Amino acid sequence: MKKVFWLCLSILVVVACNGGGGGSQPQPVQLTEKVRPVQGGTQVDVAYWNDIDDFNNRGTCTYAVFVRDKDPNSATYDEVGLLTADHCAFRRDAATLEDNLTSTDQDVWQSFEGDDQQTDRVVAWVTRRAPFKWWYEDGCQAYDDAGRSIEFCQVADALFAKLEPDEDLSDAGLANVPLSTDNADLQIDDPSDYQRYVGAYNAPFVNGVVYKIGRTTGETRGKVVVRLPQLTVRSAKFSELRINYNVYVVEPEDSVPMAQGGDSGAPVLYQSSSMDPDEYAFVGIVVAAANGNMFMDPWEDIRDELNLSIANGY
């Protein structure tokens, strides 16, 4: 299988986070700017505050959707948080891969530190991450599809970040941006006019058309071409191999790549003929890309691994 790479930090990978309520004259905003309430598709940054000055330790990714913790054994049971990709919380200075995979209490904010015009504001903090297994545990393959040994398996590349108490999720939805066809368009049409989640599907349909909104390439549309039983990716920091099961490959419909660096965690959506033009069903998140194609983790794996439900839209 061709090797692919995570999208979180563009300087660390080889291949390639609004709305609601505003005034009568909403100001133009970009997917890379601070927006309230946060909308799916807009940029988020993840790091410990003492890491922020070092860009290498900041995960610049995309926020997907608000979710609710449904694990009765969790300290954040029934709390609402945001969903993004797990590898967005990787730290270059972590001593081991396990430290990277298990570290929590990291801040999630919009927008960049030091941006006086945007005014940094923490919106959530990482509280739960999808579990992983060491190679010798039940159900974890010791070798990848090319016969190389691996350190661990992980079913879903996803994390749960509990919202700050004063964050408003009542109006949150999907950022409304133009479809990118010839070049990426990151302009939010109207911060007070956003698209609504009306449900969630376990996974996309092979040969079906899906959309994604990401902070790097905006809205792109593509066709689901195949479901892979496993995806082997290599960390930019660690040599160990990482496995995600049941990922889907999506090919772009036009000249813009389906996803690029920074789009990790972006919401992938499906629209049926019975839905209104501003309604979408959530089907998964972006986790990697290669050669213009996008790889996505399906909602069923994310939901089951982290015991979550969608918190807004229905």
Protein backbone atom coordinates (compact mmCIF):
# COMPACT_ATOMS: atom_id res chain seq x y z
CA MET A 1 0.00 0.00 0.00
CA LYS A 2 1.24 3.47 -0.80
CA LYS A 3 2.46 5.35 2.25
CA VAL A 4 0.44 8.41 3.24
CA PHE A 5 0.95 11.07 5.87
CA TRP A 6 -1.08 12.96 8.44
CA LEU A 7 -2.29 16.45 7.65
CA CYS A 8 -1.95 18.18 11.00
CA LEU A 9 1.24 20.21 10.80
CA SER A 10 2.07 21.22 7.26
CA ILE A 11 5.76 21.75 8.04
CA LEU A 12 6.04 18.23 9.44
CA VAL A 13 4.32 16.20 6.76
CA VAL A 14 5.35 15.25 3.31
CA VAL A 15 1.94 15.20 1.66
CA ALA A 16 -0.22 16.61 1.96
CA CYS A 17 -11.24 25.60 12.27
CA ASN A 18 -18.63 31.18 13.29
CA GLY A 19 -21.50 31.80 12.71
CA GLY A 20 -24.64 32.15 14.53
CA GLY A 21 -26.34 35.24 15.49
CA GLY A 22 -24.18 38.12 13.99
CA GLY A 23 -25.32 41.65 13.25
CA SER A 24 -27.24 42.87 10.25
CA GLN A 25 -23.95 43.64 8.47
CA PRO A 26 -21.74 40.62 9.18
CA GLN A 27 -18.03 41.16 8.64
CA PRO A 28 -16.29 38.87 6.16
CA VAL A 29 -14.32 36.12 7.86
CA GLN A 30 -12.11 33.26 6.77
CA LEU A 31 -12.03 29.64 7.87
CA THR A 32 -8.65 30.39 9.43
CA GLU A 33 -9.98 33.18 11.68
CA LYS A 34 -11.63 33.24 15.09
CA VAL A 35 -15.37 32.72 14.78
CA ARG A 36 -18.15 32.44 17.37
CA PRO A 37 -19.96 30.20 17.84
CA VAL A 38 -17.36 27.93 16.31
CA GLN A 39 -18.56 26.27 13.13
CA GLY A 40 -17.51 23.03 11.52
CA GLY A 41 -14.75 23.57 9.00
CA THR A 42 -13.00 26.39 10.86
CA GLN A 43 -9.45 26.25 12.13
CA VAL A 44 -8.49 25.16 15.61
CA ASP A 45 -5.01 24.98 17.17
CA VAL A 46 -4.04 22.46 19.81
CA ALA A 47 -1.14 22.75 22.30
CA TYR A 48 -0.20 23.28 25.91
CA TRP A 49 0.10 26.99 26.63
CA ASN A 50 3.81 26.58 27.33
CA ASP A 51 4.16 25.11 23.83
CA ILE A 52 2.38 27.84 21.89
CA ASP A 53 5.45 29.89 21.03
CA ASP A 54 6.96 26.87 19.28
CA PHE A 55 5.00 26.28 16.10
CA ASN A 56 6.37 22.74 15.95
CA ASN A 57 4.32 21.90 19.03
CA ARG A 58 1.07 23.40 17.73
CA GLY A 59 -1.39 21.23 15.87
CA THR A 60 -3.16 23.42 13.32
CA CYS A 61 -6.20 21.47 12.23
CA THR A 62 -9.93 21.77 11.52
CA TYR A 63 -12.90 21.49 13.88
CA ALA A 64 -15.51 18.95 12.77
CA VAL A 65 -18.66 18.99 14.91
CA PHE A 66 -19.87 19.30 18.50
CA VAL A 67 -20.25 15.94 20.21
CA ARG A 68 -21.48 14.70 23.60
CA ASP A 69 -19.58 12.27 25.83
CA LYS A 70 -21.85 9.26 26.37
CA ASP A 71 -19.41 7.13 28.39
CA PRO A 72 -20.89 6.78 31.92
CA ASN A 73 -17.42 5.95 33.23
CA SER A 74 -15.88 9.13 31.88
CA ALA A 75 -15.18 12.20 34.01
CA THR A 76 -16.81 14.26 31.26
CA TYR A 77 -19.93 12.10 30.94
CA ASP A 78 -22.79 14.01 29.24
CA GLU A 79 -20.51 17.01 28.64
CA VAL A 80 -20.30 18.63 25.22
CA GLY A 81 -17.05 19.04 23.34
CA LEU A 82 -15.65 19.42 19.89
CA LEU A 83 -14.35 16.67 17.67
CA THR A 84 -11.15 16.78 15.65
CA ALA A 85 -8.35 14.42 14.63
CA ASP A 86 -6.31 12.78 17.37
CA HIS A 87 -2.95 13.41 15.74
CA CYS A 88 -3.62 17.17 15.97
CA ALA A 89 -2.59 16.84 19.62
CA PHE A 90 0.84 15.38 18.89
CA ARG A 91 3.80 17.14 20.56
CA ARG A 92 7.25 17.11 19.06
CA ASP A 93 8.90 17.31 22.47
CA ALA A 94 7.02 14.33 23.92
CA ALA A 95 9.45 11.69 25.12
CA THR A 96 7.70 8.70 23.61
CA LEU A 97 4.95 7.85 21.19
CA GLU A 98 2.82 6.67 24.09
CA ASP A 99 3.19 10.08 25.75
CA ASN A 100 1.93 11.67 22.56
CA LEU A 101 -1.02 9.34 22.25
CA THR A 102 -2.21 9.70 25.83
CA SER A 103 -1.49 13.35 26.72
CA THR A 104 -4.59 15.42 27.56
CA ASP A 105 -5.34 18.84 29.11
CA GLN A 106 -4.08 20.51 25.95
CA ASP A 107 -5.76 23.77 25.00
CA VAL A 108 -7.81 24.16 21.83
CA TRP A 109 -8.11 27.73 20.64
CA GLN A 110 -8.86 30.15 17.81
CA SER A 111 -6.85 31.69 16.34
CA PHE A 112 -3.03 31.91 16.36
CA GLU A 113 -1.10 33.03 19.41
CA GLY A 114 0.09 36.63 19.03
CA ASP A 115 -2.54 37.59 16.47
CA ASP A 116 -3.72 40.88 17.96
CA GLN A 117 -6.55 41.28 15.49
CA GLN A 118 -8.06 37.90 16.27
CA THR A 119 -7.50 37.80 20.05
CA ASP A 120 -6.65 34.30 21.17
CA ARG A 121 -9.36 32.53 23.09
CA VAL A 122 -9.37 28.98 24.36
CA VAL A 123 -12.58 27.23 23.31
CA ALA A 124 -11.96 23.72 24.68
CA TRP A 125 -9.35 21.42 26.12
CA VAL A 126 -8.42 17.89 25.13
CA THR A 127 -10.00 15.50 27.63
CA ARG A 128 -10.34 12.16 25.84
CA ARG A 129 -8.52 10.49 22.99
CA ALA A 130 -9.32 7.35 21.01
CA PRO A 131 -7.66 4.34 22.70
CA PHE A 132 -4.81 2.44 21.14
CA LYS A 133 -3.42 -1.06 21.57
CA TRP A 134 0.12 -2.30 21.62
CA TRP A 135 1.05 -4.78 18.92
CA TYR A 136 0.77 -7.78 21.26
CA GLU A 137 -2.78 -7.01 22.42
CA ASP A 138 -5.80 -8.88 21.09
CA GLY A 139 -7.04 -7.56 17.79
CA CYS A 140 -3.91 -5.56 17.02
CA GLN A 141 -1.88 -6.74 14.06
CA ALA A 142 1.85 -7.00 14.63
CA TYR A 143 2.65 -6.25 10.99
CA ASP A 144 1.35 -3.89 8.37
CA ASP A 145 0.28 -4.85 4.87
CA ALA A 146 3.90 -4.66 3.65
CA GLY A 147 5.14 -7.02 6.35
CA ARG A 148 6.80 -4.34 8.47
CA SER A 149 6.44 -4.51 12.23
CA ILE A 150 4.27 -1.94 13.96
CA GLU A 151 4.10 -0.65 17.52
CA PHE A 152 0.36 -0.28 17.97
CA CYS A 153 -3.08 -0.12 16.38
CA GLN A 154 -5.71 2.57 16.64
CA VAL A 155 -9.19 2.26 15.20
CA ALA A 156 -10.13 5.95 15.08
CA ASP A 157 -7.90 9.00 14.67
CA ALA A 158 -10.15 11.20 16.82
CA LEU A 159 -10.25 13.15 20.08
CA PHE A 160 -12.86 14.76 22.34
CA ALA A 161 -12.12 18.29 23.61
CA LYS A 162 -14.49 19.53 26.32
CA LEU A 163 -15.92 22.98 25.63
CA GLU A 164 -15.17 25.93 27.86
CA PRO A 165 -18.29 26.69 29.95
CA ASP A 166 -19.03 30.01 28.23
CA GLU A 167 -18.90 28.65 24.68
CA ASP A 168 -22.18 28.82 22.80
CA LEU A 169 -23.11 25.75 20.80
CA SER A 170 -26.81 26.48 20.32
CA ASP A 171 -26.37 27.96 16.85
CA ALA A 172 -23.33 26.04 15.69
CA GLY A 173 -23.35 24.36 12.33
CA LEU A 174 -21.20 23.99 9.26
CA ALA A 175 -19.43 27.05 7.88
CA ASN A 176 -21.03 28.19 4.64
CA VAL A 177 -18.25 28.61 2.09
CA PRO A 178 -18.21 28.45 -1.73
CA LEU A 179 -17.35 25.15 -3.36
CA SER A 180 -13.71 25.11 -4.41
CA THR A 181 -13.33 24.08 -8.05
CA ASP A 182 -10.24 25.75 -9.50
CA ASN A 183 -8.54 26.98 -6.31
CA ALA A 184 -9.19 26.86 -2.58
CA ASP A 185 -11.79 29.36 -1.33
CA LEU A 186 -11.69 30.01 2.42
CA GLN A 187 -14.19 32.88 2.53
CA ILE A 188 -17.23 32.28 4.73
CA ASP A 189 -20.20 33.59 2.75
CA ASP A 190 -22.07 34.96 5.74
CA PRO A 191 -21.12 34.14 9.37
CA SER A 192 -24.78 34.29 10.39
CA ASP A 193 -25.90 31.95 7.61
CA TYR A 194 -24.48 28.50 8.21
CA GLN A 195 -25.39 25.01 7.09
CA ARG A 196 -27.15 22.65 9.48
CA TYR A 197 -26.37 19.12 10.56
CA VAL A 198 -29.55 17.06 10.34
CA GLY A 199 -28.16 13.70 11.36
CA ALA A 200 -25.25 11.33 11.09
CA TYR A 201 -24.62 8.24 9.00
CA ASN A 202 -22.39 5.43 10.20
CA ALA A 203 -20.24 5.64 7.08
CA PRO A 204 -20.34 6.97 3.53
CA PHE A 205 -21.58 4.98 0.57
CA VAL A 206 -18.94 3.69 -1.84
CA ASN A 207 -19.50 5.47 -5.18
CA GLY A 208 -21.42 8.18 -3.33
CA VAL A 209 -20.54 11.89 -3.38
CA VAL A 210 -19.42 13.58 -0.17
CA TYR A 211 -18.31 17.08 0.83
CA LYS A 212 -15.77 18.34 3.29
CA ILE A 213 -15.00 21.78 4.75
CA GLY A 214 -11.37 22.32 5.76
CA ARG A 215 -9.27 25.32 6.81
CA THR A 216 -6.77 24.78 3.97
CA THR A 217 -8.81 23.81 0.93
CA GLY A 218 -12.28 25.05 1.91
CA GLU A 219 -15.26 23.13 0.59
CA THR A 220 -14.41 20.32 -1.79
CA ARG A 221 -16.53 17.57 -3.25
CA GLY A 222 -15.52 14.09 -4.26
CA LYS A 223 -16.51 10.51 -4.88
CA VAL A 224 -15.98 7.72 -2.36
CA VAL A 225 -14.03 5.13 -4.32
CA VAL A 226 -13.08 2.40 -1.86
CA ARG A 227 -13.10 1.26 1.75
CA LEU A 228 -9.67 0.17 2.96
CA PRO A 229 -9.46 -2.49 5.67
CA GLN A 230 -6.45 -0.67 7.06
CA LEU A 231 -4.40 2.43 6.36
CA THR A 232 -0.72 2.55 7.18
CA VAL A 233 0.67 6.01 7.91
CA ARG A 234 4.00 7.12 9.30
CA SER A 235 4.39 9.81 11.90
CA ALA A 236 6.63 12.74 10.98
CA LYS A 237 8.20 12.53 14.42
CA PHE A 238 8.23 8.80 15.16
CA SER A 239 9.30 5.88 13.05
CA GLU A 240 6.60 3.58 14.39
CA LEU A 241 3.73 2.78 12.09
CA ARG A 242 0.14 3.59 12.90
CA ILE A 243 -2.92 1.69 11.68
CA ASN A 244 -6.46 2.98 11.27
CA TYR A 245 -9.08 0.44 10.21
CA ASN A 246 -11.99 0.94 7.84
CA VAL A 247 -10.90 4.23 6.34
CA TYR A 248 -12.49 5.45 3.11
CA VAL A 249 -10.73 6.94 0.10
CA VAL A 250 -12.33 9.94 -1.64
CA GLU A 251 -11.23 11.24 -5.05
CA PRO A 252 -11.76 14.92 -5.95
CA GLU A 253 -14.34 15.88 -8.56
CA ASP A 254 -12.39 18.88 -9.82
CA SER A 255 -8.90 20.35 -9.92
CA VAL A 256 -8.63 21.17 -6.20
CA PRO A 257 -7.23 18.39 -3.97
CA MET A 258 -9.85 16.92 -1.64
CA ALA A 259 -7.66 17.75 1.37
CA GLN A 260 -4.23 19.09 2.30
CA GLY A 261 -2.18 19.89 5.40
CA GLY A 262 -4.33 21.58 8.07
CA ASP A 263 -7.56 19.90 6.94
CA SER A 264 -7.16 17.10 9.50
CA GLY A 265 -10.30 16.74 11.58
CA ALA A 266 -12.47 18.43 8.96
CA PRO A 267 -16.10 17.28 8.78
CA VAL A 268 -17.05 15.00 5.92
CA LEU A 269 -20.71 15.27 4.97
CA TYR A 270 -23.35 13.74 2.76
CA GLN A 271 -26.41 15.41 1.29
CA SER A 272 -29.37 13.35 0.10
CA SER A 273 -31.99 14.48 -2.37
CA SER A 274 -34.51 14.83 0.47
CA MET A 275 -32.41 17.39 2.36
CA ASP A 276 -32.63 21.15 1.97
CA PRO A 277 -29.68 22.89 0.28
CA ASP A 278 -28.26 24.00 3.64
CA GLU A 279 -28.59 20.59 5.34
CA TYR A 280 -25.98 17.85 5.61
CA ALA A 281 -25.52 14.53 7.36
CA PHE A 282 -22.21 13.95 9.13
CA VAL A 283 -20.31 10.83 8.01
CA GLY A 284 -16.74 11.20 9.34
CA ILE A 285 -13.58 13.28 9.56
CA VAL A 286 -10.48 13.80 7.44
CA VAL A 287 -7.38 12.01 8.73
CA ALA A 288 -4.90 11.95 5.84
CA ALA A 289 -4.35 12.63 2.14
CA ALA A 290 -2.13 11.65 -0.74
CA ASN A 291 -2.04 12.53 -4.44
CA GLY A 292 -5.09 14.77 -4.12
CA ASN A 293 -7.19 12.02 -2.55
CA MET A 294 -8.65 12.21 0.96
CA PHE A 295 -8.75 9.50 3.61
CA MET A 296 -11.54 9.64 6.17
CA ASP A 297 -12.43 7.86 9.39
CA PRO A 298 -16.15 6.95 9.43
CA TRP A 299 -18.42 8.22 12.20
CA GLU A 300 -19.25 4.69 13.38
CA ASP A 301 -15.63 4.03 14.38
CA ILE A 302 -15.23 7.44 16.04
CA ARG A 303 -18.55 7.06 17.88
CA ASP A 304 -17.84 3.54 19.08
CA GLU A 305 -14.23 4.14 20.13
CA LEU A 306 -14.95 7.32 22.10
CA ASN A 307 -18.63 6.61 22.96
CA LEU A 308 -19.95 9.87 21.54
CA SER A 309 -23.14 11.27 20.07
CA ILE A 310 -23.64 14.33 17.86
CA ALA A 311 -24.55 17.26 20.11
CA ASN A 312 -25.94 19.79 17.65
CA GLY A 313 -28.33 19.76 14.73
CA TYR A 314 -30.74 17.06 15.81
